[in-house]
Protein backbone atom coordinates (compact mmCIF):
# COMPACT_ATOMS: atom_id res chain seq x y z
CA MET A 1 161.75 48.53 80.82
CA ILE A 2 159.07 47.94 83.34
CA SER A 3 155.86 49.61 82.66
CA SER A 4 153.87 51.28 85.25
CA GLN A 5 150.11 50.29 85.31
CA PRO A 6 147.59 51.54 87.51
CA ILE A 7 146.63 48.94 90.30
CA VAL A 8 142.93 47.71 90.29
CA CYS A 9 141.75 47.17 93.95
CA VAL A 10 139.09 44.07 93.63
CA PHE A 11 138.90 43.53 96.91
CA LEU A 12 139.45 45.92 99.36
CA LYS A 13 137.50 49.79 99.61
CA PHE A 14 140.02 52.70 99.27
CA PRO A 15 138.71 55.27 102.01
CA PRO A 16 136.42 58.21 101.99
CA SER A 17 137.62 61.17 100.27
CA ARG A 18 139.50 63.66 102.70
CA ARG A 19 138.38 66.96 101.47
CA PRO A 20 134.79 66.83 102.88
CA VAL A 21 136.69 66.53 106.60
CA VAL A 22 138.86 69.33 105.71
CA TRP A 23 136.01 71.82 103.85
CA MET A 24 133.44 71.15 106.68
CA TYR A 25 136.05 72.46 109.19
CA GLU A 26 136.83 75.34 107.07
CA ILE A 27 133.33 76.66 106.68
CA ALA A 28 132.93 76.33 110.29
CA TRP A 29 136.00 78.67 110.70
CA ASP A 30 135.38 80.83 107.66
CA VAL A 31 130.87 81.18 107.61
CA PHE A 32 129.55 79.77 110.87
CA LEU A 33 131.87 81.93 113.03
CA PRO A 34 132.49 85.27 111.19
CA GLN A 35 128.67 85.36 110.67
CA LEU A 36 127.49 84.81 114.10
CA ASN A 37 130.59 87.17 115.61
CA ARG A 38 128.86 90.20 112.84
CA ILE A 39 125.51 89.20 114.30
CA SER A 40 127.08 89.59 118.02
CA GLU A 41 128.81 92.99 116.83
CA ALA A 42 125.60 94.34 115.66
CA PHE A 43 123.76 93.54 118.71
CA GLU A 44 126.21 94.79 121.08
CA ALA A 45 126.17 97.97 118.91
CA VAL A 46 122.35 98.22 119.35
CA GLN A 47 122.36 97.48 123.14
CA ALA A 48 124.26 101.31 123.57
CA THR A 49 121.08 102.57 122.35
CA HIS A 50 118.42 100.00 123.41
CA PRO A 51 119.80 98.10 126.30
CA SER A 52 117.96 94.78 127.31
CA ILE A 53 118.79 92.60 129.76
CA GLU A 54 116.34 90.01 128.45
CA ALA A 55 117.67 90.21 124.96
CA LYS A 56 121.22 89.61 126.29
CA LYS A 57 120.23 86.60 127.55
CA ILE A 58 118.89 85.16 124.58
CA TRP A 59 121.78 86.21 122.29
CA LEU A 60 124.10 84.54 125.26
CA GLU A 61 122.09 81.34 125.32
CA ALA A 62 122.12 81.04 121.52
CA GLN A 63 126.01 81.69 121.37
CA GLU A 64 126.58 78.77 123.73
CA ASN A 65 124.35 76.43 121.69
CA ALA A 66 126.01 77.08 118.73
CA SER A 67 128.90 76.21 120.44
CA GLU A 68 127.11 72.79 121.13
CA TYR A 69 126.67 72.43 117.67
CA MET A 70 129.84 72.40 116.77
CA ILE A 71 130.31 68.99 118.99
CA TYR A 72 128.54 67.41 116.04
CA LEU A 73 130.76 67.98 113.28
CA GLN A 74 133.63 67.39 115.71
CA ASP A 75 132.54 64.18 116.21
CA ILE A 76 132.94 63.09 112.27
CA THR A 77 136.38 63.67 112.44
CA PHE A 78 136.78 61.47 115.35
CA THR A 79 134.41 58.71 114.23
CA SER A 80 136.48 58.89 110.74
CA HIS A 81 139.66 58.34 112.22
CA ASP A 82 138.17 55.62 114.14
CA THR A 83 137.18 53.98 111.18
CA ALA A 84 140.32 54.47 109.67
CA ARG A 85 142.10 52.50 112.60
CA SER A 86 139.49 49.71 112.76
CA PHE A 87 140.19 49.24 108.83
CA LEU A 88 143.89 49.24 109.36
CA ARG A 89 143.43 46.36 111.92
CA PHE A 90 141.12 44.81 109.41
CA LEU A 91 143.72 44.94 106.75
CA LYS A 92 146.87 43.96 109.50
CA ALA A 93 144.66 40.59 110.02
CA LEU A 94 143.70 40.01 106.68
CA GLN A 95 147.37 40.26 105.54
CA SER A 96 148.42 38.01 108.02
CA GLY A 97 146.16 35.10 107.10
CA ARG A 98 144.75 35.09 110.72
CA ASP A 99 141.08 34.73 111.44
CA ASN A 100 139.92 38.68 110.85
CA SER A 101 136.51 38.43 112.22
CA GLU A 102 136.80 40.09 115.31
CA SER A 103 138.83 42.97 113.48
CA TYR A 104 135.99 43.03 110.78
CA ARG A 105 132.96 43.18 113.16
CA SER A 106 135.22 45.99 114.54
CA PHE A 107 135.29 48.03 111.19
CA ARG A 108 131.79 47.21 110.93
CA GLY A 109 130.52 48.80 114.20
CA SER A 110 133.01 51.84 113.35
CA VAL A 111 131.82 52.74 109.98
CA SER A 112 128.43 52.53 110.99
CA ASN A 113 128.71 54.65 113.76
CA ALA A 114 130.29 57.38 111.83
CA ILE A 115 127.52 57.54 109.26
CA THR A 116 125.03 57.59 111.88
CA ARG A 117 127.18 60.71 113.67
CA THR A 118 127.00 62.20 109.78
CA GLY A 119 123.60 62.24 109.41
CA THR A 120 123.25 63.47 112.88
CA ALA A 121 125.66 66.47 112.56
CA GLN A 122 123.55 67.30 109.17
CA GLU A 123 120.23 67.64 111.30
CA GLY A 124 122.10 69.75 113.97
CA LEU A 125 123.37 72.14 111.34
CA LEU A 126 119.64 72.68 110.10
CA GLU A 127 118.34 73.23 113.75
CA LEU A 128 121.34 75.68 114.27
CA ARG A 129 120.11 77.69 111.33
CA GLU A 130 116.95 77.67 112.61
CA GLU A 131 117.40 78.49 115.89
CA ILE A 132 119.53 81.54 115.30
CA ARG A 133 116.69 82.78 112.35
CA ILE A 134 114.21 82.46 115.52
CA VAL A 135 116.82 84.19 117.98
CA VAL A 136 117.41 87.18 115.62
CA GLY A 137 113.63 87.40 115.33
CA ARG A 138 112.75 87.58 119.01
CA ILE A 139 115.70 89.99 119.56
CA THR A 140 114.07 92.61 116.87
CA SER A 141 110.74 92.58 118.65
CA ILE A 142 112.42 92.95 122.17
CA LEU A 143 114.63 95.84 121.03
CA GLY A 144 111.15 97.86 119.99
CA ASN A 145 108.99 99.16 117.39
CA ASP A 146 111.49 101.98 116.21
CA ALA A 147 112.95 100.28 112.62
CA THR A 148 115.06 103.40 111.89
CA ASP A 149 117.28 102.92 115.46
CA ILE A 150 117.49 99.19 114.99
CA SER A 151 117.61 99.20 111.43
CA SER A 152 121.52 98.61 111.23
CA PHE A 153 121.13 95.56 113.60
CA ILE A 154 117.96 94.18 110.88
CA THR A 155 120.45 94.86 108.07
CA GLU A 156 123.39 92.86 109.62
CA SER A 157 121.51 90.24 111.00
CA SER A 158 119.59 89.57 107.83
CA GLN A 159 122.60 89.28 105.76
CA SER A 160 124.49 87.10 108.00
CA LEU A 161 121.60 84.64 107.96
CA LEU A 162 121.58 84.56 104.54
CA GLU A 163 125.57 83.64 104.68
CA LEU A 164 124.94 81.11 107.34
CA ALA A 165 121.76 79.22 105.69
CA THR A 166 124.08 79.09 102.24
CA GLY A 167 127.15 77.60 104.68
CA VAL A 168 124.79 75.22 106.16
CA GLU A 169 123.46 74.10 102.85
CA GLU A 170 127.21 73.80 101.64
CA CYS A 171 128.44 71.98 104.12
CA ASN A 172 125.21 69.47 104.43
CA ALA A 173 126.19 68.50 100.68
CA ILE A 174 129.56 67.92 101.52
CA LEU A 175 128.49 66.01 104.45
CA GLU A 176 126.01 63.65 102.71
CA GLU A 177 128.93 63.12 99.97
CA HIS A 178 130.99 61.78 102.93
CA ARG A 179 127.87 59.59 104.13
CA GLU A 180 127.58 58.17 100.62
CA GLU A 181 131.61 57.39 100.60
CA LEU A 182 130.98 55.99 104.02
CA LYS A 183 127.99 53.96 103.01
CA ASN A 184 130.50 52.20 99.91
CA VAL A 185 132.98 51.61 102.44
CA GLN A 186 130.55 49.89 104.57
CA ARG A 187 130.16 47.20 101.69
CA GLN A 188 133.54 45.78 102.58
CA SER A 189 133.24 42.12 102.28
CA SER A 190 135.16 40.35 105.05
CA ASP A 191 135.81 36.77 102.78
CA GLU A 192 138.42 37.16 100.24
CA LYS A 193 138.48 33.65 99.38
CA ASN A 194 136.88 34.61 95.88
CA ASN A 195 138.92 37.67 95.34
CA GLN A 196 142.34 37.44 97.48
CA PRO A 197 144.31 40.79 97.34
CA SER A 198 147.35 41.23 96.31
CA GLU A 199 150.43 42.48 98.25
CA GLU A 200 150.21 45.35 95.94
CA GLU A 201 146.56 45.91 96.45
CA ILE A 202 146.83 45.83 100.12
CA ARG A 203 150.10 47.94 100.16
CA VAL A 204 148.17 50.89 98.10
CA VAL A 205 144.82 50.34 100.01
CA GLN A 206 147.02 50.60 103.31
CA GLU A 207 148.47 53.66 102.46
CA LYS A 208 145.28 55.48 101.24
CA TRP A 209 143.88 54.47 104.50
CA ARG A 210 146.99 55.53 106.58
CA ALA A 211 146.82 58.83 105.04
CA PHE A 212 142.70 59.10 105.90
CA GLU A 213 143.75 58.35 109.37
CA GLU A 214 146.23 61.33 109.26
CA VAL A 215 143.93 64.02 108.02
CA THR A 216 141.30 63.01 110.63
CA GLY A 217 143.71 62.77 113.51
CA PRO A 218 142.42 64.39 117.00
CA ASN A 219 145.27 66.66 116.78
CA VAL A 220 145.00 68.02 113.05
CA TYR A 221 142.10 70.47 114.01
CA ARG A 222 141.17 72.80 116.82
CA TRP A 223 137.62 72.57 117.71
CA GLN A 224 137.95 73.67 121.05
CA ALA A 225 139.15 77.06 120.22
CA LEU A 226 136.48 77.28 117.68
CA ARG A 227 133.67 76.25 120.58
CA HIS A 228 135.16 78.87 122.81
CA GLN A 229 135.16 81.71 120.27
CA LEU A 230 131.67 80.84 119.57
CA GLN A 231 130.79 81.17 123.00
CA GLY A 232 131.96 84.89 122.72
CA PRO A 233 135.05 87.72 123.10
CA ASP A 234 136.91 87.63 126.62
CA ASP A 235 140.10 88.08 127.74
CA SER A 236 141.77 85.18 126.43
CA ASP A 237 140.48 85.00 122.93
CA GLU A 238 143.58 86.85 121.41
CA SER A 239 145.91 84.45 122.73
CA VAL A 240 143.67 81.27 121.54
CA MET A 241 143.61 82.70 118.30
CA THR A 242 147.46 83.27 117.91
CA SER A 243 147.71 80.12 119.18
CA ASN A 244 145.81 78.25 116.45
CA ASN A 245 147.12 80.07 113.88
CA SER A 246 150.83 79.35 114.63
CA THR A 247 150.11 75.58 115.62
CA SER A 248 147.91 74.36 112.97
CA PRO A 249 148.30 73.93 109.09
CA THR A 250 144.95 73.43 108.60
CA MET A 251 143.66 76.61 110.76
CA PRO A 252 141.88 79.28 108.42
CA THR A 253 143.48 82.57 108.60
CA TYR A 254 140.38 84.44 110.06
CA SER A 255 140.17 88.42 110.09
CA SER A 256 137.32 90.95 110.84
CA MET A 257 138.36 92.32 107.92
CA ASN A 258 137.36 89.09 105.88
CA ARG A 259 133.54 89.06 106.81
CA ARG A 260 132.25 91.29 104.49
CA ILE A 261 133.62 89.20 101.39
CA PRO A 262 130.73 87.29 99.75
CA PHE A 263 130.43 83.56 101.15
CA TRP A 264 131.02 81.52 97.88
CA ARG A 265 134.26 83.86 96.63
CA LYS A 266 135.94 83.97 100.29
CA PHE A 267 134.98 80.12 100.61
CA PHE A 268 136.68 78.77 97.20
CA GLN A 269 139.58 81.33 97.20
CA HIS A 270 140.52 80.05 100.70
CA THR A 271 140.17 76.31 99.26
CA SER A 272 142.26 77.29 96.36
CA CYS A 273 145.00 78.28 98.42
CA LEU A 274 144.80 75.67 100.71
CA SER A 275 147.71 73.04 100.99
CA LEU A 276 146.60 69.65 100.97
CA GLU A 277 149.97 67.80 99.85
CA LYS A 278 150.21 66.34 103.44
CA PHE A 279 146.87 64.71 102.60
CA SER A 280 147.49 63.16 99.49
């Protein structure tokens, strides 16, 4: 009877965990979008009694900027995918026994870029949180001193700012985990003379990196749809949302009815239901 023993990988590095990439995307859809929509709806409601062209312009600019900040998160999936592809090329060169110096340099450049972009995304989320806080304060001042008439906007926006801040904190913690794992991958050596990987080690590590390449692929996520919705509703929003819910298995199911659910309960309910079988 053949004993099944776990493979000990001495030389080759495993890829980062795939969960942070997925959870980052989930938070963007399940926290950032609905909370910014909540502020937007409260603002539109108060505009009916306190119309202000200046306040409207400020909020439209804030929505546009929020959309642009999502590029930082999108870059993480792109750079992670590039890191996976470059590592697999390095692995192929290593396995063939040919000179791997070029593929190794390419891999090192890719993972270094991924680490940098992750740090940039963390800074960007902090900037987004602060920018929305300042914008809400400016709009509140512009709308007037009648606290009774704008109390609904103050209440809704204050609660959304708290949820948004919590989401940013959680997302940055997830990104920090991802960044530390990338740093570990960066320690991969190119010299296998003293630690020659076995064929089985190469096979196992190759499978892990291929799975990571798949989960970070450019067609897995719908960042453009997210950015479009952050810019505010228009006549095409319904078709965009329908298209994304029906084509992407990782797309969160968003409903305006879910906006009042506290962030932590909603987030962990959703992630516990999210199928990660294709990423295992």
